[in-house]
Structures are given as C-alpha cells and as structure tokens.
C-alpha cells in the first residue's frame, strides 16, 4: 500500500521535539491508523491492519492504545489541536491593520486553504460519518475547531468595529456570515465530491476575495 502524506495529529508546538524509540513506534501506529481510517473508514479498519502497516506487533499497538476506539479518538483530537495555528493567526492578520480589505482577504485565503487541505477534508468527512457512533467525540471536535474559529473571528470583527472600521451589531452573527461566504460552496463541494471538487488554488483565492467584497458591502463603513 502506498503511503499518502500523513495526517499531522501532533499538538501544536510539538513538531520538532526529539522522539525516543517508544515515541517513534507510537507515532508510526497513529500515522498508520490515520491512513487506514481515512481510506477505509472506522469499521473497515482492524487493529491487525494497523499493526502491519505500522510495522509493529499487535501487542505494541495495544500497549499504546487500549482499543481501536481510543486510537480513533486520539487521532481526531490530535488533529483538532492543529486548529490552534489558524486561531492564533487571526489576530496577527487583523489586529492593528490599516488595510481592512487586504487583511480580511489574507485571512479568508488562509482560512479556505487550511480547511480545504485534502487530508483535513477526509478527516472531516470521517468524523461526520461516525458522529452517530461517537457523538461525544464529534461534539468535542466541533467545539475545539469550528466553534473556536468562529469565536476568534467574532472577537476580531468586534475589535475592528470598535476601531470604527466595520458596522457590526452582533460580532457572532457577522462572523457566521463571513465564514459562510468564505467556506459555503467550496466546502459543500468538497464534502460531496472529495478530492475531485475541481477548485484550484487560484479559484479558491478568487472565491475568498469575492467573499470579503460581499462581506464589506454589508458590514463595511461607507
């Protein structure tokens, strides 16, 4: 089986930490499980297959993870931790900016490019497909990723309104409008069509810029 680019499930800030032998085996297990879960689904993946792909014994897999459910949960929540990078970027892009349109466009492009990464799209589809089996896990992922992103957007839009750059009555509503304008159609296409959604990087950038223009038409100062 050929290996696709691994899904990065490490908590933000741990990318360059040295690993011992046990940690390397654990990472191999997580990466193998992520590839199999994304390719074959939760039910279509066995612990035997994970051990074989990770090149470790089945005993080693169970030494690190009590069962398949814990392994799946760790992968989902590990990926959720990566949302911190985008959340931290929101104030860096918008705070103190004098170029409102340019700042919002840069943020919109980054937002769309982040969400539309093929492996993250696969993970999103997998979480949705298994939400009935793991409702608490799906809820936790939602709270840690989409909900926190919306909170970060609302905070920054409120601050821009406080500086007189936007006309925002309710920052939460404004954030939801901006997010839907940016993600609505591209994410919908990706959820149904997968990697064959047909939107190039240039097309995604154009859609991000157009979304900002529509948002500013509604919320910008004359």
C-alpha atoms as a PDB file:
ATOM      1  CA  UNK A   1       0.000   0.000   0.000  1.00  0.00           C
ATOM      2  CA  UNK A   2       1.418   3.408  -0.890  1.00  0.00           C
ATOM      3  CA  UNK A   3       1.543   5.982   1.877  1.00  0.00           C
ATOM      4  CA  UNK A   4      -0.170   9.314   1.333  1.00  0.00           C
ATOM      5  CA  UNK A   5       1.043  12.391   3.187  1.00  0.00           C
ATOM      6  CA  UNK A   6       0.410  11.623   6.857  1.00  0.00           C
ATOM      7  CA  UNK A   7      -2.281  13.451   8.751  1.00  0.00           C
ATOM      8  CA  UNK A   8      -0.499  15.625  11.305  1.00  0.00           C
ATOM      9  CA  UNK A   9      -2.081  14.735  14.632  1.00  0.00           C
ATOM     10  CA  UNK A  10       0.538  16.272  16.897  1.00  0.00           C
ATOM     11  CA  UNK A  11      -0.435  19.063  19.290  1.00  0.00           C
ATOM     12  CA  UNK A  12       0.746  22.427  18.022  1.00  0.00           C
ATOM     13  CA  UNK A  13       4.309  23.168  19.088  1.00  0.00           C
ATOM     14  CA  UNK A  14       5.481  19.565  19.186  1.00  0.00           C
ATOM     15  CA  UNK A  15       6.630  19.309  15.568  1.00  0.00           C
ATOM     16  CA  UNK A  16      10.383  19.313  16.236  1.00  0.00           C
ATOM     17  CA  UNK A  17      10.631  17.575  19.594  1.00  0.00           C
ATOM     18  CA  UNK A  18      13.088  14.649  19.569  1.00  0.00           C
ATOM     19  CA  UNK A  19      11.481  11.218  19.932  1.00  0.00           C
ATOM     20  CA  UNK A  20      12.693   8.035  21.563  1.00  0.00           C
ATOM     21  CA  UNK A  21      12.080   4.549  20.218  1.00  0.00           C
ATOM     22  CA  UNK A  22       8.736   4.152  22.016  1.00  0.00           C
ATOM     23  CA  UNK A  23       7.539   7.538  20.807  1.00  0.00           C
ATOM     24  CA  UNK A  24       8.510   6.678  17.228  1.00  0.00           C
ATOM     25  CA  UNK A  25       6.546   3.444  17.409  1.00  0.00           C
ATOM     26  CA  UNK A  26       3.535   5.272  18.812  1.00  0.00           C
ATOM     27  CA  UNK A  27       3.751   7.828  16.004  1.00  0.00           C
ATOM     28  CA  UNK A  28       4.013   5.050  13.419  1.00  0.00           C
ATOM     29  CA  UNK A  29       0.871   3.479  14.871  1.00  0.00           C
ATOM     30  CA  UNK A  30      -1.016   6.780  14.782  1.00  0.00           C
ATOM     31  CA  UNK A  31       0.046   7.547  11.208  1.00  0.00           C
ATOM     32  CA  UNK A  32      -0.825   4.048  10.023  1.00  0.00           C
ATOM     33  CA  UNK A  33      -4.200   4.184  11.758  1.00  0.00           C
ATOM     34  CA  UNK A  34      -4.937   7.616  10.310  1.00  0.00           C
ATOM     35  CA  UNK A  35      -4.176   6.401   6.793  1.00  0.00           C
ATOM     36  CA  UNK A  36      -6.366   3.335   7.201  1.00  0.00           C
ATOM     37  CA  UNK A  37      -9.242   5.141   8.915  1.00  0.00           C
ATOM     38  CA  UNK A  38      -9.281   7.824   6.224  1.00  0.00           C
ATOM     39  CA  UNK A  39      -9.022   5.275   3.433  1.00  0.00           C
ATOM     40  CA  UNK A  40     -11.348   2.546   4.708  1.00  0.00           C
ATOM     41  CA  UNK A  41     -13.413   4.104   7.486  1.00  0.00           C
ATOM     42  CA  UNK A  42     -13.584   3.149  11.144  1.00  0.00           C
ATOM     43  CA  UNK A  43     -15.395  -0.145  10.682  1.00  0.00           C
ATOM     44  CA  UNK A  44     -13.295  -1.065   7.660  1.00  0.00           C
ATOM     45  CA  UNK A  45     -10.061  -0.867   9.657  1.00  0.00           C
ATOM     46  CA  UNK A  46      -8.738  -3.556  12.012  1.00  0.00           C
ATOM     47  CA  UNK A  47      -6.035  -3.394  14.664  1.00  0.00           C
ATOM     48  CA  UNK A  48      -4.212  -6.171  12.778  1.00  0.00           C
ATOM     49  CA  UNK A  49      -4.047  -3.986   9.678  1.00  0.00           C
ATOM     50  CA  UNK A  50      -2.832  -1.032  11.729  1.00  0.00           C
ATOM     51  CA  UNK A  51      -0.052  -3.117  13.289  1.00  0.00           C
ATOM     52  CA  UNK A  52       1.016  -4.444   9.889  1.00  0.00           C
ATOM     53  CA  UNK A  53       1.138  -1.019   8.248  1.00  0.00           C
ATOM     54  CA  UNK A  54       2.995   0.477  11.225  1.00  0.00           C
ATOM     55  CA  UNK A  55       5.467  -2.454  11.133  1.00  0.00           C
ATOM     56  CA  UNK A  56       4.949  -3.207  14.827  1.00  0.00           C
ATOM     57  CA  UNK A  57       3.419  -6.111  16.699  1.00  0.00           C
ATOM     58  CA  UNK A  58      -0.240  -6.131  17.615  1.00  0.00           C
ATOM     59  CA  UNK A  59       0.888  -6.278  21.250  1.00  0.00           C
ATOM     60  CA  UNK A  60       2.727  -2.977  20.754  1.00  0.00           C
ATOM     61  CA  UNK A  61      -0.442  -1.394  19.395  1.00  0.00           C
ATOM     62  CA  UNK A  62      -2.410  -2.479  22.453  1.00  0.00           C
ATOM     63  CA  UNK A  63       0.412  -1.370  24.740  1.00  0.00           C
ATOM     64  CA  UNK A  64      -0.073   2.174  23.453  1.00  0.00           C
ATOM     65  CA  UNK A  65      -3.839   2.157  22.891  1.00  0.00           C
ATOM     66  CA  UNK A  66      -6.360   0.130  24.853  1.00  0.00           C
ATOM     67  CA  UNK A  67      -8.618  -0.358  21.839  1.00  0.00           C
ATOM     68  CA  UNK A  68      -9.487   0.929  18.372  1.00  0.00           C
ATOM     69  CA  UNK A  69     -11.890   3.498  19.788  1.00  0.00           C
ATOM     70  CA  UNK A  70      -9.169   5.150  21.870  1.00  0.00           C
ATOM     71  CA  UNK A  71      -6.851   5.216  18.866  1.00  0.00           C
ATOM     72  CA  UNK A  72      -9.525   6.812  16.697  1.00  0.00           C
ATOM     73  CA  UNK A  73     -10.293   9.368  19.417  1.00  0.00           C
ATOM     74  CA  UNK A  74      -6.621  10.289  19.828  1.00  0.00           C
ATOM     75  CA  UNK A  75      -6.267  10.862  16.090  1.00  0.00           C
ATOM     76  CA  UNK A  76      -9.333  13.095  15.907  1.00  0.00           C
ATOM     77  CA  UNK A  77      -8.414  15.158  18.964  1.00  0.00           C
ATOM     78  CA  UNK A  78      -4.776  15.363  17.900  1.00  0.00           C
ATOM     79  CA  UNK A  79      -5.868  16.848  14.587  1.00  0.00           C
ATOM     80  CA  UNK A  80      -8.187  19.238  16.437  1.00  0.00           C
ATOM     81  CA  UNK A  81      -5.189  20.657  18.283  1.00  0.00           C
ATOM     82  CA  UNK A  82      -3.780  21.859  14.953  1.00  0.00           C
ATOM     83  CA  UNK A  83      -6.604  24.402  14.723  1.00  0.00           C
ATOM     84  CA  UNK A  84      -4.654  26.476  17.239  1.00  0.00           C
ATOM     85  CA  UNK A  85      -2.311  27.594  14.468  1.00  0.00           C
ATOM     86  CA  UNK A  86      -5.091  29.220  12.456  1.00  0.00           C
ATOM     87  CA  UNK A  87      -6.816  30.614  15.558  1.00  0.00           C
ATOM     88  CA  UNK A  88      -3.574  32.291  16.605  1.00  0.00           C
ATOM     89  CA  UNK A  89      -3.174  33.690  13.092  1.00  0.00           C
ATOM     90  CA  UNK A  90      -6.490  35.561  13.197  1.00  0.00           C
ATOM     91  CA  UNK A  91      -5.361  38.416  15.465  1.00  0.00           C
ATOM     92  CA  UNK A  92      -1.917  38.528  13.800  1.00  0.00           C
ATOM     93  CA  UNK A  93      -3.527  39.178  10.430  1.00  0.00           C
ATOM     94  CA  UNK A  94      -6.222  41.617  11.551  1.00  0.00           C
ATOM     95  CA  UNK A  95      -5.070  43.345  14.746  1.00  0.00           C
ATOM     96  CA  UNK A  96      -3.869  46.878  14.059  1.00  0.00           C
ATOM     97  CA  UNK A  97      -4.288  46.588  10.296  1.00  0.00           C
ATOM     98  CA  UNK A  98      -4.813  49.783   8.298  1.00  0.00           C
ATOM     99  CA  UNK A  99      -5.712  47.830   5.160  1.00  0.00           C
ATOM    100  CA  UNK A 100      -9.055  46.301   6.136  1.00  0.00           C
ATOM    101  CA  UNK A 101      -9.835  44.727   2.772  1.00  0.00           C
ATOM    102  CA  UNK A 102      -6.315  43.374   2.335  1.00  0.00           C
ATOM    103  CA  UNK A 103      -6.224  41.981   5.855  1.00  0.00           C
ATOM    104  CA  UNK A 104      -9.593  40.262   5.504  1.00  0.00           C
ATOM    105  CA  UNK A 105      -8.623  38.830   2.124  1.00  0.00           C
ATOM    106  CA  UNK A 106      -5.369  37.428   3.520  1.00  0.00           C
ATOM    107  CA  UNK A 107      -7.300  35.853   6.379  1.00  0.00           C
ATOM    108  CA  UNK A 108     -10.016  34.492   4.070  1.00  0.00           C
ATOM    109  CA  UNK A 109      -7.431  32.925   1.762  1.00  0.00           C
ATOM    110  CA  UNK A 110      -5.639  31.295   4.685  1.00  0.00           C
ATOM    111  CA  UNK A 111      -8.919  30.081   6.180  1.00  0.00           C
ATOM    112  CA  UNK A 112     -10.068  28.496   2.945  1.00  0.00           C
ATOM    113  CA  UNK A 113      -6.681  26.971   2.137  1.00  0.00           C
ATOM    114  CA  UNK A 114      -6.493  25.455   5.623  1.00  0.00           C
ATOM    115  CA  UNK A 115      -9.967  23.927   5.590  1.00  0.00           C
ATOM    116  CA  UNK A 116      -9.597  22.623   2.030  1.00  0.00           C
ATOM    117  CA  UNK A 117      -6.461  20.557   2.673  1.00  0.00           C
ATOM    118  CA  UNK A 118      -7.270  17.080   1.270  1.00  0.00           C
ATOM    119  CA  UNK A 119      -6.384  15.155   4.435  1.00  0.00           C
ATOM    120  CA  UNK A 120      -8.376  17.522   6.640  1.00  0.00           C
ATOM    121  CA  UNK A 121     -11.341  17.194   4.309  1.00  0.00           C
ATOM    122  CA  UNK A 122     -11.077  13.412   4.609  1.00  0.00           C
ATOM    123  CA  UNK A 123     -10.960  13.685   8.376  1.00  0.00           C
ATOM    124  CA  UNK A 124     -13.981  15.985   8.427  1.00  0.00           C
ATOM    125  CA  UNK A 125     -15.975  13.534   6.312  1.00  0.00           C
ATOM    126  CA  UNK A 126     -14.888  10.652   8.549  1.00  0.00           C
ATOM    127  CA  UNK A 127     -15.928  12.455  11.747  1.00  0.00           C
ATOM    128  CA  UNK A 128     -19.315  13.298  10.250  1.00  0.00           C
ATOM    129  CA  UNK A 129     -19.826   9.721   9.069  1.00  0.00           C
ATOM    130  CA  UNK A 130     -19.033   8.379  12.551  1.00  0.00           C
ATOM    131  CA  UNK A 131     -20.918  11.055  14.514  1.00  0.00           C
ATOM    132  CA  UNK A 132     -23.744   8.611  15.241  1.00  0.00           C
ATOM    133  CA  UNK A 133     -21.303   6.081  16.691  1.00  0.00           C
ATOM    134  CA  UNK A 134     -19.197   8.652  18.569  1.00  0.00           C
ATOM    135  CA  UNK A 135     -21.457  11.645  19.305  1.00  0.00           C
ATOM    136  CA  UNK A 136     -19.325  12.934  22.182  1.00  0.00           C
ATOM    137  CA  UNK A 137     -16.172  12.847  20.075  1.00  0.00           C
ATOM    138  CA  UNK A 138     -17.891  14.671  17.198  1.00  0.00           C
ATOM    139  CA  UNK A 139     -19.212  17.285  19.627  1.00  0.00           C
ATOM    140  CA  UNK A 140     -15.779  17.769  21.149  1.00  0.00           C
ATOM    141  CA  UNK A 141     -14.168  18.200  17.727  1.00  0.00           C
ATOM    142  CA  UNK A 142     -16.814  20.747  16.785  1.00  0.00           C
ATOM    143  CA  UNK A 143     -16.215  22.694  19.988  1.00  0.00           C
ATOM    144  CA  UNK A 144     -12.437  22.633  19.579  1.00  0.00           C
ATOM    145  CA  UNK A 145     -12.306  23.516  15.893  1.00  0.00           C
ATOM    146  CA  UNK A 146     -15.276  25.201  14.133  1.00  0.00           C
ATOM    147  CA  UNK A 147     -16.641  26.784  17.305  1.00  0.00           C
ATOM    148  CA  UNK A 148     -13.279  28.165  18.448  1.00  0.00           C
ATOM    149  CA  UNK A 149     -12.540  29.521  14.973  1.00  0.00           C
ATOM    150  CA  UNK A 150     -15.885  31.316  14.985  1.00  0.00           C
ATOM    151  CA  UNK A 151     -15.156  32.765  18.430  1.00  0.00           C
ATOM    152  CA  UNK A 152     -11.775  34.050  17.218  1.00  0.00           C
ATOM    153  CA  UNK A 153     -13.351  35.639  14.147  1.00  0.00           C
ATOM    154  CA  UNK A 154     -16.107  37.248  16.217  1.00  0.00           C
ATOM    155  CA  UNK A 155     -13.570  38.716  18.643  1.00  0.00           C
ATOM    156  CA  UNK A 156     -11.518  40.301  15.877  1.00  0.00           C
ATOM    157  CA  UNK A 157     -14.539  41.610  13.968  1.00  0.00           C
ATOM    158  CA  UNK A 158     -15.769  43.179  17.209  1.00  0.00           C
ATOM    159  CA  UNK A 159     -12.411  44.877  17.668  1.00  0.00           C
ATOM    160  CA  UNK A 160     -12.457  46.164  14.094  1.00  0.00           C
ATOM    161  CA  UNK A 161     -15.934  47.555  14.740  1.00  0.00           C
ATOM    162  CA  UNK A 162     -14.630  49.179  17.913  1.00  0.00           C
ATOM    163  CA  UNK A 163     -11.983  50.942  15.803  1.00  0.00           C
ATOM    164  CA  UNK A 164     -14.718  52.235  13.519  1.00  0.00           C
ATOM    165  CA  UNK A 165     -13.676  50.106  10.540  1.00  0.00           C
ATOM    166  CA  UNK A 166     -16.818  47.937  10.404  1.00  0.00           C
ATOM    167  CA  UNK A 167     -20.504  48.325  11.183  1.00  0.00           C
ATOM    168  CA  UNK A 168     -21.133  45.265  13.351  1.00  0.00           C
ATOM    169  CA  UNK A 169     -24.136  44.972  15.636  1.00  0.00           C
ATOM    170  CA  UNK A 170     -23.511  41.369  16.685  1.00  0.00           C
ATOM    171  CA  UNK A 171     -19.952  40.071  16.152  1.00  0.00           C
ATOM    172  CA  UNK A 172     -21.098  36.427  16.365  1.00  0.00           C
ATOM    173  CA  UNK A 173     -23.591  36.918  13.540  1.00  0.00           C
ATOM    174  CA  UNK A 174     -21.049  38.837  11.474  1.00  0.00           C
ATOM    175  CA  UNK A 175     -18.501  36.042  11.987  1.00  0.00           C
ATOM    176  CA  UNK A 176     -21.012  33.413  10.864  1.00  0.00           C
ATOM    177  CA  UNK A 177     -21.792  35.442   7.735  1.00  0.00           C
ATOM    178  CA  UNK A 178     -18.105  35.855   6.891  1.00  0.00           C
ATOM    179  CA  UNK A 179     -17.362  32.172   7.466  1.00  0.00           C
ATOM    180  CA  UNK A 180     -20.240  31.027   5.267  1.00  0.00           C
ATOM    181  CA  UNK A 181     -19.317  33.432   2.483  1.00  0.00           C
ATOM    182  CA  UNK A 182     -15.771  32.045   2.517  1.00  0.00           C
ATOM    183  CA  UNK A 183     -16.434  28.343   3.018  1.00  0.00           C
ATOM    184  CA  UNK A 184     -20.013  27.717   1.916  1.00  0.00           C
ATOM    185  CA  UNK A 185     -19.780  26.447  -1.656  1.00  0.00           C
ATOM    186  CA  UNK A 186     -16.171  25.158  -1.666  1.00  0.00           C
ATOM    187  CA  UNK A 187     -16.646  23.102   1.492  1.00  0.00           C
ATOM    188  CA  UNK A 188     -20.010  21.783   0.309  1.00  0.00           C
ATOM    189  CA  UNK A 189     -18.443  20.638  -2.963  1.00  0.00           C
ATOM    190  CA  UNK A 190     -15.541  19.023  -1.160  1.00  0.00           C
ATOM    191  CA  UNK A 191     -17.803  17.151   1.255  1.00  0.00           C
ATOM    192  CA  UNK A 192     -19.791  15.608  -1.597  1.00  0.00           C
ATOM    193  CA  UNK A 193     -17.128  15.330  -4.316  1.00  0.00           C
ATOM    194  CA  UNK A 194     -13.989  14.737  -2.246  1.00  0.00           C
ATOM    195  CA  UNK A 195     -10.647  15.486  -3.875  1.00  0.00           C
ATOM    196  CA  UNK A 196     -12.439  15.768  -7.225  1.00  0.00           C
ATOM    197  CA  UNK A 197     -14.114  19.033  -6.223  1.00  0.00           C
ATOM    198  CA  UNK A 198     -12.370  20.788  -9.126  1.00  0.00           C
ATOM    199  CA  UNK A 199     -11.387  24.005  -7.343  1.00  0.00           C
ATOM    200  CA  UNK A 200      -7.799  25.080  -7.984  1.00  0.00           C
ATOM    201  CA  UNK A 201      -5.749  27.136  -5.523  1.00  0.00           C
ATOM    202  CA  UNK A 202      -6.258  30.193  -7.749  1.00  0.00           C
ATOM    203  CA  UNK A 203     -10.017  29.607  -7.809  1.00  0.00           C
ATOM    204  CA  UNK A 204     -10.099  29.281  -4.027  1.00  0.00           C
ATOM    205  CA  UNK A 205      -8.205  32.563  -3.670  1.00  0.00           C
ATOM    206  CA  UNK A 206     -10.671  34.282  -6.001  1.00  0.00           C
ATOM    207  CA  UNK A 207     -13.618  32.965  -4.032  1.00  0.00           C
ATOM    208  CA  UNK A 208     -12.000  34.147  -0.793  1.00  0.00           C
ATOM    209  CA  UNK A 209     -11.500  37.649  -2.229  1.00  0.00           C
ATOM    210  CA  UNK A 210     -15.074  37.755  -3.535  1.00  0.00           C
ATOM    211  CA  UNK A 211     -16.392  36.669  -0.139  1.00  0.00           C
ATOM    212  CA  UNK A 212     -14.620  39.600   1.510  1.00  0.00           C
ATOM    213  CA  UNK A 213     -16.054  42.037  -1.043  1.00  0.00           C
ATOM    214  CA  UNK A 214     -19.585  40.825  -0.291  1.00  0.00           C
ATOM    215  CA  UNK A 215     -18.917  40.955   3.459  1.00  0.00           C
ATOM    216  CA  UNK A 216     -17.622  44.528   3.257  1.00  0.00           C
ATOM    217  CA  UNK A 217     -20.620  45.546   1.151  1.00  0.00           C
ATOM    218  CA  UNK A 218     -22.788  44.535   4.109  1.00  0.00           C
ATOM    219  CA  UNK A 219     -20.569  45.459   7.054  1.00  0.00           C
ATOM    220  CA  UNK A 220     -18.036  47.990   5.772  1.00  0.00           C
ATOM    221  CA  UNK A 221     -18.084  51.675   6.561  1.00  0.00           C
ATOM    222  CA  UNK A 222     -19.009  53.962   3.654  1.00  0.00           C
END
